[in-house]
Amino acid sequence: MHSELGEFELIQRFFKTRAEAMPSPDGQSIALGIGDDCALIKPHSEEEIAITTDMLVEGRHFFANANPEWLGHKALAVNLSDLAAMGAKPLGFTLAIALPHADLGWLEAFSNGLFAVAQKYSCPLIGGDTTAGPLNICITAFGSIPLGKAIKRSGAIAGDEIWVSGSVGDARLALAALRHELHLSTIDLQTIELRMHQPTPRVDLGICLRGIASAALDISDGLLGDLKHILKQSKVDAEIFLDRIPKSVTLQHQSEAIQNQFAACGGDDYEICFTAHPEQCNAVNEISKKLHIAITHIGNVKTMQSAEASIQLLNKNGEALSVTETAGLLKSFDHFA
């Protein structure tokens, strides 16, 4: 249902009223929330503020007929995933959204999905903007980290182990099914589709990894392609056991080629890939038990052998795979490709 609702009425009805009902995550960090020219964040003396921005564009990041409630969920979840990768606790977020028209039903569903995630992770909406235009959603999220405890991409060293949370490849499998690139049963598609549309940001995991992980990032563009960012910034290489990359039962029903392709570089997983010293193995396993999240050791950090960081893929016997066997597995999603 379209409406003549104006910009400020739209903001008030679907966003400002609900934002004002949410408490500040700790009662102090958000000094001034939504409703003024700027929000004010008041950091504690012994913390740093983490800031991340993600944009979702119709036709590029989601289908034109995407479920608006799922879209609201994902728009905030992918930003919280970035905070999680640095070990940040969510503080608040801003929302900038361009809308082709003011569709009240769409806005109600979108805001429901958005605020469900905001409530779950105590991350209030503190400002933003709306305008008319092609559907485009841009969120900036803010988080707090104890001073000096941020988990950066640049901290991996030779000898560290490489870990990944959960399983990877399901979002790409769901996309392939929705694009009719392959066939999945209705039950199988329903089992994995929410991995693509409603990802779970690993916020608690990121916080628990402070002081344990030497480097980390969230997996948005594909496991191995994203891992390359850690390697480049840390100036190291890596070896990865291809068969250790964790896959769901649904993905394991596919051919070995599809399993490897989707798990290695599928994207949209929003799990955490991190490195840690081998002495932290027990601590990682304890975190896994505490949070009820599978965390899998998939490889090791190696000394850099050339001017460019590289990943060597190994089979289950520890033997290096050939160039032919690894073709296409080290790529990641490119927003301009």
Protein backbone atom coordinates (compact mmCIF):
# COMPACT_ATOMS: atom_id res chain seq x y z
CA MET A 1 0.00 0.00 0.00
CA HIS A 2 1.48 3.30 -1.11
CA SER A 3 0.92 6.45 0.96
CA GLU A 4 1.31 10.21 0.86
CA LEU A 5 3.21 9.93 4.13
CA GLY A 6 5.93 12.61 4.25
CA GLU A 7 9.56 12.09 5.19
CA PHE A 8 9.27 13.19 8.81
CA GLU A 9 6.00 11.33 9.38
CA LEU A 10 7.63 8.22 7.92
CA ILE A 11 10.64 8.57 10.21
CA GLN A 12 8.46 9.21 13.25
CA ARG A 13 6.10 6.28 12.62
CA PHE A 14 8.49 3.52 11.64
CA PHE A 15 11.82 4.47 13.18
CA LYS A 16 11.97 7.34 15.73
CA THR A 17 9.21 6.12 18.04
CA ARG A 18 10.66 2.62 18.16
CA ALA A 19 14.21 3.90 18.55
CA GLU A 20 13.25 6.06 21.52
CA ALA A 21 11.70 3.03 23.23
CA MET A 22 15.07 1.24 23.26
CA PRO A 23 17.41 1.91 26.21
CA SER A 24 21.07 2.78 25.73
CA PRO A 25 23.06 -0.47 25.91
CA ASP A 26 24.80 0.57 29.13
CA GLY A 27 22.85 3.66 30.09
CA GLN A 28 25.81 5.99 29.46
CA SER A 29 27.43 5.50 26.04
CA ILE A 30 24.66 7.15 23.99
CA ALA A 31 24.48 10.69 25.35
CA LEU A 32 21.98 11.81 22.68
CA GLY A 33 20.10 9.55 20.30
CA ILE A 34 17.77 10.03 17.35
CA GLY A 35 16.01 13.37 16.84
CA ASP A 36 18.75 16.01 16.72
CA ASP A 37 21.22 17.09 14.01
CA CYS A 38 23.72 14.57 15.37
CA ALA A 39 23.77 11.72 17.83
CA LEU A 40 26.29 11.93 20.66
CA ILE A 41 28.36 8.97 21.80
CA LYS A 42 30.20 9.38 25.09
CA PRO A 43 32.97 6.77 25.28
CA HIS A 44 34.32 5.66 28.62
CA SER A 45 37.91 6.65 29.32
CA GLU A 46 39.23 3.12 28.84
CA GLU A 47 37.45 2.17 25.62
CA GLU A 48 37.68 2.75 21.89
CA ILE A 49 34.79 3.21 19.46
CA ALA A 50 34.58 0.85 16.47
CA ILE A 51 32.70 2.17 13.41
CA THR A 52 31.57 0.20 10.37
CA THR A 53 29.34 0.94 7.36
CA ASP A 54 27.63 -1.43 4.94
CA MET A 55 25.37 -0.66 2.00
CA LEU A 56 22.77 -3.00 0.49
CA VAL A 57 21.62 -2.14 -3.03
CA GLU A 58 18.58 -3.69 -4.70
CA GLY A 59 19.58 -5.90 -7.61
CA ARG A 60 23.17 -6.13 -6.38
CA HIS A 61 22.89 -7.42 -2.84
CA PHE A 62 19.27 -8.61 -2.75
CA PHE A 63 16.46 -9.53 -5.12
CA ALA A 64 13.92 -6.88 -6.12
CA ASN A 65 11.12 -8.83 -4.41
CA ALA A 66 13.10 -9.60 -1.25
CA ASN A 67 11.13 -10.20 1.94
CA PRO A 68 11.33 -6.78 3.68
CA GLU A 69 11.43 -8.25 7.19
CA TRP A 70 14.38 -10.44 6.25
CA LEU A 71 15.99 -7.45 4.57
CA GLY A 72 15.67 -5.37 7.74
CA HIS A 73 17.28 -8.18 9.70
CA LYS A 74 20.17 -8.60 7.28
CA ALA A 75 20.86 -4.89 6.87
CA LEU A 76 21.74 -4.54 10.56
CA ALA A 77 23.14 -8.06 11.08
CA VAL A 78 25.91 -7.64 8.49
CA ASN A 79 27.12 -4.50 10.26
CA LEU A 80 27.06 -6.19 13.66
CA SER A 81 29.10 -8.98 12.10
CA ASP A 82 31.84 -6.46 11.31
CA LEU A 83 31.78 -5.26 14.93
CA ALA A 84 31.95 -8.88 16.11
CA ALA A 85 35.07 -9.51 14.05
CA MET A 86 36.93 -6.82 16.02
CA GLY A 87 35.57 -7.92 19.38
CA ALA A 88 33.30 -4.88 19.71
CA LYS A 89 30.13 -4.67 21.80
CA PRO A 90 27.33 -2.92 19.83
CA LEU A 91 26.42 0.60 20.98
CA GLY A 92 24.05 1.93 18.31
CA PHE A 93 23.54 2.48 14.60
CA THR A 94 22.37 4.98 12.01
CA LEU A 95 20.16 4.18 9.03
CA ALA A 96 20.14 5.95 5.66
CA ILE A 97 17.53 4.59 3.28
CA ALA A 98 16.34 5.56 -0.21
CA LEU A 99 12.82 4.36 -1.05
CA PRO A 100 11.07 4.32 -4.45
CA HIS A 101 7.83 5.16 -2.57
CA ALA A 102 6.40 5.05 0.94
CA ASP A 103 4.87 1.58 1.03
CA LEU A 104 3.44 1.25 4.54
CA GLY A 105 3.30 -2.55 4.55
CA TRP A 106 6.89 -2.79 3.33
CA LEU A 107 8.08 -0.27 5.92
CA GLU A 108 6.26 -2.06 8.75
CA ALA A 109 7.85 -5.39 7.85
CA PHE A 110 11.31 -3.88 7.26
CA SER A 111 11.31 -2.04 10.57
CA ASN A 112 10.11 -5.20 12.36
CA GLY A 113 13.11 -7.14 11.08
CA LEU A 114 15.47 -4.26 11.78
CA PHE A 115 14.37 -3.68 15.36
CA ALA A 116 14.21 -7.40 16.18
CA VAL A 117 17.98 -7.52 15.61
CA ALA A 118 18.49 -4.16 17.34
CA GLN A 119 16.66 -5.42 20.44
CA LYS A 120 18.45 -8.77 20.49
CA TYR A 121 21.90 -7.17 20.45
CA SER A 122 21.03 -4.03 22.47
CA CYS A 123 21.95 -1.76 19.56
CA PRO A 124 19.58 1.23 19.33
CA LEU A 125 18.92 3.34 16.25
CA ILE A 126 20.45 6.76 16.97
CA GLY A 127 20.01 8.68 13.71
CA GLY A 128 19.93 8.57 9.92
CA ASP A 129 18.23 9.92 6.81
CA THR A 130 15.55 9.04 4.27
CA THR A 131 15.02 10.10 0.67
CA ALA A 132 13.20 9.03 -2.48
CA GLY A 133 15.14 6.94 -4.99
CA PRO A 134 16.05 3.40 -6.00
CA LEU A 135 15.95 1.09 -2.96
CA ASN A 136 19.25 1.47 -1.14
CA ILE A 137 19.93 0.74 2.53
CA CYS A 138 23.05 2.03 4.28
CA ILE A 139 23.75 1.38 7.95
CA THR A 140 26.62 2.64 10.08
CA ALA A 141 27.08 0.75 13.34
CA PHE A 142 29.10 1.76 16.39
CA GLY A 143 30.63 -0.51 19.01
CA SER A 144 32.87 -0.27 22.05
CA ILE A 145 36.10 -2.14 22.72
CA PRO A 146 38.33 -1.96 25.80
CA LEU A 147 41.35 0.18 25.00
CA GLY A 148 43.96 -1.80 23.09
CA LYS A 149 41.80 -4.97 22.82
CA ALA A 150 40.54 -4.59 19.23
CA ILE A 151 41.15 -7.71 17.13
CA LYS A 152 42.72 -6.38 13.94
CA ARG A 153 43.52 -8.10 10.66
CA SER A 154 47.21 -7.36 11.01
CA GLY A 155 48.10 -9.48 14.04
CA ALA A 156 48.59 -12.98 12.58
CA ILE A 157 52.09 -14.47 12.84
CA ALA A 158 53.71 -17.60 11.45
CA GLY A 159 52.79 -20.60 13.61
CA ASP A 160 49.29 -19.37 14.44
CA GLU A 161 46.35 -21.66 13.79
CA ILE A 162 43.46 -20.61 11.53
CA TRP A 163 39.91 -21.18 12.78
CA VAL A 164 36.41 -20.57 11.46
CA SER A 165 33.09 -20.52 13.30
CA GLY A 166 29.93 -22.39 12.28
CA SER A 167 29.79 -23.68 8.72
CA VAL A 168 30.23 -21.94 5.39
CA GLY A 169 28.75 -22.26 1.91
CA ASP A 170 25.02 -22.47 2.70
CA ALA A 171 24.22 -18.92 1.63
CA ARG A 172 25.83 -19.53 -1.76
CA LEU A 173 23.97 -22.84 -2.06
CA ALA A 174 20.67 -21.10 -1.34
CA LEU A 175 21.46 -18.43 -3.92
CA ALA A 176 22.27 -21.09 -6.51
CA ALA A 177 18.92 -22.77 -5.88
CA LEU A 178 17.01 -19.48 -6.08
CA ARG A 179 18.78 -18.68 -9.36
CA HIS A 180 17.89 -22.19 -10.64
CA GLU A 181 21.56 -23.05 -11.05
CA LEU A 182 20.85 -26.32 -9.25
CA HIS A 183 17.87 -28.07 -7.69
CA LEU A 184 17.23 -28.39 -3.97
CA SER A 185 14.23 -30.02 -2.36
CA THR A 186 11.82 -27.65 -0.64
CA ILE A 187 12.93 -28.97 2.74
CA ASP A 188 16.63 -28.53 1.96
CA LEU A 189 16.08 -24.99 0.69
CA GLN A 190 14.07 -24.05 3.76
CA THR A 191 16.82 -25.51 5.94
CA ILE A 192 19.51 -23.22 4.57
CA GLU A 193 17.68 -20.21 3.10
CA LEU A 194 17.75 -18.25 6.34
CA ARG A 195 21.56 -18.49 6.33
CA MET A 196 21.40 -16.20 3.30
CA HIS A 197 18.51 -13.94 4.34
CA GLN A 198 18.88 -13.77 8.14
CA PRO A 199 22.54 -14.27 9.09
CA THR A 200 23.57 -14.46 12.74
CA PRO A 201 26.27 -11.96 13.72
CA ARG A 202 28.74 -13.68 16.07
CA VAL A 203 28.82 -10.81 18.56
CA ASP A 204 29.34 -12.94 21.69
CA LEU A 205 32.09 -14.91 19.96
CA GLY A 206 33.95 -11.75 18.98
CA ILE A 207 33.85 -10.45 22.55
CA CYS A 208 35.09 -13.81 23.89
CA LEU A 209 38.00 -13.78 21.41
CA ARG A 210 39.50 -10.61 22.87
CA GLY A 211 43.00 -11.49 24.04
CA ILE A 212 42.81 -14.92 22.38
CA ALA A 213 42.62 -14.24 18.63
CA SER A 214 45.66 -12.60 17.04
CA ALA A 215 43.68 -11.50 13.95
CA ALA A 216 40.10 -11.85 12.73
CA LEU A 217 37.50 -10.82 10.18
CA ASP A 218 33.96 -11.73 9.25
CA ILE A 219 33.29 -13.80 6.14
CA SER A 220 31.19 -11.74 3.75
CA ASP A 221 32.81 -12.23 0.34
CA GLY A 222 34.05 -15.83 0.68
CA LEU A 223 36.22 -17.64 3.24
CA LEU A 224 39.52 -17.91 1.36
CA GLY A 225 39.22 -14.57 -0.40
CA ASP A 226 38.51 -12.84 2.91
CA LEU A 227 41.32 -14.74 4.64
CA LYS A 228 43.66 -13.16 2.10
CA HIS A 229 42.95 -9.78 3.75
CA ILE A 230 44.39 -11.07 7.04
CA LEU A 231 47.40 -12.52 5.23
CA LYS A 232 48.12 -9.33 3.30
CA GLN A 233 47.85 -7.06 6.33
CA SER A 234 49.83 -9.46 8.54
CA LYS A 235 52.41 -10.17 5.80
CA VAL A 236 52.13 -13.95 6.11
CA ASP A 237 51.05 -16.98 4.07
CA ALA A 238 48.63 -19.77 4.97
CA GLU A 239 48.02 -23.44 4.42
CA ILE A 240 44.40 -24.65 4.45
CA PHE A 241 43.14 -28.22 4.61
CA LEU A 242 40.31 -28.10 2.08
CA ASP A 243 38.46 -31.06 3.63
CA ARG A 244 38.44 -29.40 7.08
CA ILE A 245 36.40 -26.38 5.98
CA PRO A 246 33.11 -26.92 7.88
CA LYS A 247 30.03 -27.59 5.74
CA SER A 248 26.40 -28.24 6.62
CA VAL A 249 24.77 -31.61 6.01
CA THR A 250 22.74 -29.99 3.22
CA LEU A 251 25.85 -28.78 1.41
CA GLN A 252 27.51 -32.17 1.88
CA HIS A 253 24.73 -33.70 -0.22
CA GLN A 254 26.11 -31.84 -3.24
CA SER A 255 29.00 -32.92 -5.46
CA GLU A 256 32.51 -32.53 -4.06
CA ALA A 257 33.22 -29.78 -6.60
CA ILE A 258 30.20 -27.73 -5.50
CA GLN A 259 30.96 -28.33 -1.82
CA ASN A 260 34.49 -27.04 -2.20
CA GLN A 261 33.54 -24.11 -4.42
CA PHE A 262 30.71 -22.82 -2.24
CA ALA A 263 32.47 -23.38 1.09
CA ALA A 264 35.78 -21.88 -0.06
CA CYS A 265 34.52 -18.76 -1.79
CA GLY A 266 30.71 -18.64 -1.67
CA GLY A 267 30.27 -15.54 0.48
CA ASP A 268 27.43 -14.13 2.62
CA ASP A 269 28.25 -16.51 5.48
CA TYR A 270 29.00 -13.90 8.19
CA GLU A 271 30.97 -16.36 10.26
CA ILE A 272 34.22 -15.35 11.97
CA CYS A 273 37.59 -16.46 10.62
CA PHE A 274 40.43 -15.87 13.07
CA THR A 275 43.98 -16.81 13.89
CA ALA A 276 45.35 -17.76 17.30
CA HIS A 277 48.53 -19.15 18.83
CA PRO A 278 48.42 -22.96 19.29
CA GLU A 279 48.54 -22.43 23.08
CA GLN A 280 45.05 -20.89 22.79
CA CYS A 281 43.54 -24.12 21.41
CA ASN A 282 41.95 -25.12 24.74
CA ALA A 283 40.58 -21.61 25.24
CA VAL A 284 39.01 -21.68 21.77
CA ASN A 285 37.42 -25.06 22.48
CA GLU A 286 36.04 -23.76 25.79
CA ILE A 287 34.49 -20.78 23.99
CA SER A 288 32.95 -23.19 21.49
CA LYS A 289 31.34 -25.16 24.31
CA LYS A 290 30.23 -22.06 26.21
CA LEU A 291 28.53 -20.44 23.19
CA HIS A 292 27.35 -23.71 21.59
CA ILE A 293 29.06 -22.72 18.33
CA ALA A 294 31.23 -25.10 16.33
CA ILE A 295 34.71 -23.63 15.83
CA THR A 296 36.96 -25.55 13.45
CA HIS A 297 40.74 -25.51 13.01
CA ILE A 298 41.16 -25.39 9.23
CA GLY A 299 44.82 -24.53 8.71
CA ASN A 300 47.93 -22.70 9.80
CA VAL A 301 49.72 -19.41 9.27
CA LYS A 302 53.08 -19.73 7.51
CA THR A 303 56.05 -17.48 6.89
CA MET A 304 55.61 -15.32 3.79
CA GLN A 305 57.53 -16.77 0.84
CA SER A 306 57.21 -14.00 -1.75
CA ALA A 307 56.14 -10.39 -2.17
CA GLU A 308 52.46 -11.34 -2.22
CA ALA A 309 50.60 -13.30 0.46
CA SER A 310 49.41 -16.71 -0.70
CA ILE A 311 47.25 -19.65 0.38
CA GLN A 312 48.36 -23.25 -0.20
CA LEU A 313 45.44 -25.70 -0.30
CA LEU A 314 46.10 -29.20 1.02
CA ASN A 315 44.20 -32.48 0.78
CA LYS A 316 43.36 -34.64 3.80
CA ASN A 317 46.82 -36.22 3.63
CA GLY A 318 48.53 -32.84 3.84
CA GLU A 319 49.58 -32.90 0.19
CA ALA A 320 49.47 -29.70 -1.86
CA LEU A 321 46.69 -29.56 -4.43
CA SER A 322 47.57 -28.74 -8.02
CA VAL A 323 46.72 -25.48 -9.77
CA THR A 324 44.01 -27.32 -11.69
CA GLU A 325 42.47 -28.69 -8.49
CA THR A 326 42.37 -25.26 -6.85
CA ALA A 327 41.14 -23.30 -9.87
CA GLY A 328 38.50 -20.79 -8.81
CA LEU A 329 38.67 -21.61 -5.09
CA LEU A 330 40.74 -18.60 -4.05
CA LYS A 331 38.45 -15.96 -5.52
CA SER A 332 35.98 -13.83 -3.58
CA PHE A 333 32.95 -11.72 -4.39
CA ASP A 334 33.80 -8.47 -6.20
CA HIS A 335 31.23 -5.65 -5.92
CA PHE A 336 32.37 -4.24 -9.26
CA ALA A 337 32.73 -7.49 -11.19
